[in-house]
Amino acid sequence: MDRWQWIADRVPAPEDQRNLALLARVIEMDFGGRVEREKDLTALMAVRYRWGNKTTRRRAMRLAAVGVVRWTRSERDHWTKTYELVPEADLEVSPRTPVEAVAGV
């Protein structure tokens, strides 16, 4: 499943879908899928799209909650966040066991 469909399936509001998809695209195209410093991402989004720092951070964390992005603290200093896109192959929904098989029916 591609990222865009993954976002659309998990975020109900169309405007939120567009904003999250835009942020994921920026991370993919402008940062090569990995943002080393959150500050770089917030600066780019502020200049290019007039998003505030808090707006960018909240949307990045929403992408993480949806499962499109993983974030960690930098190894160099504990304050800096890094973001990395989850590979599309990892977004595949795992096959679920039918309820009848679990219940023994």
C-alpha atoms as a PDB file:
ATOM      1  CA  MET A   1       0.000   0.000   0.000  1.00  0.00           C
ATOM      2  CA  ASP A   2       1.343   3.429  -0.803  1.00  0.00           C
ATOM      3  CA  ARG A   3       1.669   6.197   1.784  1.00  0.00           C
ATOM      4  CA  TRP A   4      -1.038   8.344   0.284  1.00  0.00           C
ATOM      5  CA  GLN A   5      -3.641   5.587   0.477  1.00  0.00           C
ATOM      6  CA  TRP A   6      -2.455   4.705   3.986  1.00  0.00           C
ATOM      7  CA  ILE A   7      -3.068   8.310   5.112  1.00  0.00           C
ATOM      8  CA  ALA A   8      -6.448   8.488   3.366  1.00  0.00           C
ATOM      9  CA  ASP A   9      -7.593   5.271   5.053  1.00  0.00           C
ATOM     10  CA  ARG A  10      -6.646   6.471   8.539  1.00  0.00           C
ATOM     11  CA  VAL A  11      -7.396  10.206   8.537  1.00  0.00           C
ATOM     12  CA  PRO A  12     -11.061  11.133   8.041  1.00  0.00           C
ATOM     13  CA  ALA A  13     -10.861  14.867   7.222  1.00  0.00           C
ATOM     14  CA  PRO A  14      -9.854  15.669   3.611  1.00  0.00           C
ATOM     15  CA  GLU A  15      -7.932  18.800   4.611  1.00  0.00           C
ATOM     16  CA  ASP A  16      -5.912  16.838   7.175  1.00  0.00           C
ATOM     17  CA  GLN A  17      -5.247  14.168   4.553  1.00  0.00           C
ATOM     18  CA  ARG A  18      -3.876  16.780   2.152  1.00  0.00           C
ATOM     19  CA  ASN A  19      -1.689  18.438   4.790  1.00  0.00           C
ATOM     20  CA  LEU A  20      -0.240  15.139   6.008  1.00  0.00           C
ATOM     21  CA  ALA A  21       0.333  13.937   2.450  1.00  0.00           C
ATOM     22  CA  LEU A  22       2.094  17.219   1.649  1.00  0.00           C
ATOM     23  CA  LEU A  23       4.369  16.858   4.665  1.00  0.00           C
ATOM     24  CA  ALA A  24       5.162  13.238   3.781  1.00  0.00           C
ATOM     25  CA  ARG A  25       5.946  14.277   0.206  1.00  0.00           C
ATOM     26  CA  VAL A  26       8.277  17.054   1.408  1.00  0.00           C
ATOM     27  CA  ILE A  27      10.100  14.604   3.669  1.00  0.00           C
ATOM     28  CA  GLU A  28      10.408  12.158   0.789  1.00  0.00           C
ATOM     29  CA  MET A  29      11.417  14.555  -1.989  1.00  0.00           C
ATOM     30  CA  ASP A  30      13.352  17.317  -0.225  1.00  0.00           C
ATOM     31  CA  PHE A  31      14.990  15.267   2.515  1.00  0.00           C
ATOM     32  CA  GLY A  32      15.351  11.893   0.809  1.00  0.00           C
ATOM     33  CA  GLY A  33      13.062  10.209   3.316  1.00  0.00           C
ATOM     34  CA  ARG A  34      15.061  11.186   6.405  1.00  0.00           C
ATOM     35  CA  VAL A  35      15.092  14.506   8.250  1.00  0.00           C
ATOM     36  CA  GLU A  36      18.168  14.724  10.447  1.00  0.00           C
ATOM     37  CA  ARG A  37      16.997  17.795  12.365  1.00  0.00           C
ATOM     38  CA  GLU A  38      13.406  18.794  13.064  1.00  0.00           C
ATOM     39  CA  LYS A  39      14.551  22.405  12.842  1.00  0.00           C
ATOM     40  CA  ASP A  40      15.389  21.926   9.146  1.00  0.00           C
ATOM     41  CA  LEU A  41      11.896  20.603   8.442  1.00  0.00           C
ATOM     42  CA  THR A  42      10.131  23.397  10.326  1.00  0.00           C
ATOM     43  CA  ALA A  43      12.264  26.034   8.578  1.00  0.00           C
ATOM     44  CA  LEU A  44      11.516  24.647   5.114  1.00  0.00           C
ATOM     45  CA  MET A  45       7.777  24.372   5.783  1.00  0.00           C
ATOM     46  CA  ALA A  46       7.725  27.925   7.176  1.00  0.00           C
ATOM     47  CA  VAL A  47       9.413  29.393   4.125  1.00  0.00           C
ATOM     48  CA  ARG A  48       7.705  27.344   1.452  1.00  0.00           C
ATOM     49  CA  TYR A  49       4.181  26.838   2.869  1.00  0.00           C
ATOM     50  CA  ARG A  50       3.928  29.418   5.689  1.00  0.00           C
ATOM     51  CA  TRP A  51       3.371  26.743   8.318  1.00  0.00           C
ATOM     52  CA  GLY A  52       4.334  27.675  11.847  1.00  0.00           C
ATOM     53  CA  ASN A  53       6.815  25.606  13.837  1.00  0.00           C
ATOM     54  CA  LYS A  54       4.099  24.151  16.053  1.00  0.00           C
ATOM     55  CA  THR A  55       1.929  23.323  13.063  1.00  0.00           C
ATOM     56  CA  THR A  56       4.751  21.409  11.392  1.00  0.00           C
ATOM     57  CA  ARG A  57       5.655  19.584  14.606  1.00  0.00           C
ATOM     58  CA  ARG A  58       2.052  18.593  15.294  1.00  0.00           C
ATOM     59  CA  ARG A  59       1.547  17.327  11.765  1.00  0.00           C
ATOM     60  CA  ALA A  60       4.825  15.401  11.862  1.00  0.00           C
ATOM     61  CA  MET A  61       3.739  13.742  15.109  1.00  0.00           C
ATOM     62  CA  ARG A  62       0.352  12.996  13.544  1.00  0.00           C
ATOM     63  CA  LEU A  63       2.167  11.285  10.671  1.00  0.00           C
ATOM     64  CA  ALA A  64       4.011   9.252  13.277  1.00  0.00           C
ATOM     65  CA  ALA A  65       0.742   8.329  15.006  1.00  0.00           C
ATOM     66  CA  VAL A  66      -0.718   7.224  11.674  1.00  0.00           C
ATOM     67  CA  GLY A  67       2.398   5.119  11.057  1.00  0.00           C
ATOM     68  CA  VAL A  68       3.875   6.861   8.009  1.00  0.00           C
ATOM     69  CA  VAL A  69       6.869   8.339   9.847  1.00  0.00           C
ATOM     70  CA  ARG A  70       9.101   7.114  12.659  1.00  0.00           C
ATOM     71  CA  TRP A  71      10.728   9.657  14.923  1.00  0.00           C
ATOM     72  CA  THR A  72      13.634   9.338  17.307  1.00  0.00           C
ATOM     73  CA  ARG A  73      15.864  11.597  19.318  1.00  0.00           C
ATOM     74  CA  SER A  74      19.224  12.366  17.803  1.00  0.00           C
ATOM     75  CA  GLU A  75      22.199  10.436  19.114  1.00  0.00           C
ATOM     76  CA  ARG A  76      24.292  13.612  19.164  1.00  0.00           C
ATOM     77  CA  ASP A  77      21.989  15.554  21.443  1.00  0.00           C
ATOM     78  CA  HIS A  78      18.854  14.315  23.090  1.00  0.00           C
ATOM     79  CA  TRP A  79      16.793  17.387  22.164  1.00  0.00           C
ATOM     80  CA  THR A  80      16.868  17.085  18.396  1.00  0.00           C
ATOM     81  CA  LYS A  81      14.198  14.931  16.735  1.00  0.00           C
ATOM     82  CA  THR A  82      14.848  13.038  13.539  1.00  0.00           C
ATOM     83  CA  TYR A  83      12.099  11.775  11.254  1.00  0.00           C
ATOM     84  CA  GLU A  84      12.258   8.869   8.843  1.00  0.00           C
ATOM     85  CA  LEU A  85       9.593   7.702   6.424  1.00  0.00           C
ATOM     86  CA  VAL A  86       8.425   4.141   6.918  1.00  0.00           C
ATOM     87  CA  PRO A  87       9.138   2.163   3.735  1.00  0.00           C
ATOM     88  CA  GLU A  88       5.973   1.500   1.755  1.00  0.00           C
ATOM     89  CA  ALA A  89       6.582  -2.248   1.983  1.00  0.00           C
ATOM     90  CA  ASP A  90       6.254  -1.968   5.783  1.00  0.00           C
ATOM     91  CA  LEU A  91       2.856  -0.272   5.452  1.00  0.00           C
ATOM     92  CA  GLU A  92       1.229  -3.470   4.233  1.00  0.00           C
ATOM     93  CA  VAL A  93      -1.644  -4.576   6.396  1.00  0.00           C
ATOM     94  CA  SER A  94      -0.819  -7.922   7.925  1.00  0.00           C
ATOM     95  CA  PRO A  95      -3.318 -10.652   7.073  1.00  0.00           C
ATOM     96  CA  ARG A  96      -5.757 -11.205   9.898  1.00  0.00           C
ATOM     97  CA  THR A  97      -6.926 -14.550  11.117  1.00  0.00           C
ATOM     98  CA  PRO A  98     -10.646 -15.024  10.555  1.00  0.00           C
ATOM     99  CA  VAL A  99     -12.752 -14.752  13.693  1.00  0.00           C
ATOM    100  CA  GLU A 100     -14.166 -18.260  13.161  1.00  0.00           C
ATOM    101  CA  ALA A 101     -10.696 -19.785  13.267  1.00  0.00           C
ATOM    102  CA  VAL A 102      -9.857 -18.027  16.526  1.00  0.00           C
ATOM    103  CA  ALA A 103     -13.187 -18.850  18.171  1.00  0.00           C
ATOM    104  CA  GLY A 104     -12.984 -22.483  17.088  1.00  0.00           C
ATOM    105  CA  VAL A 105     -16.369 -22.360  15.360  1.00  0.00           C
END
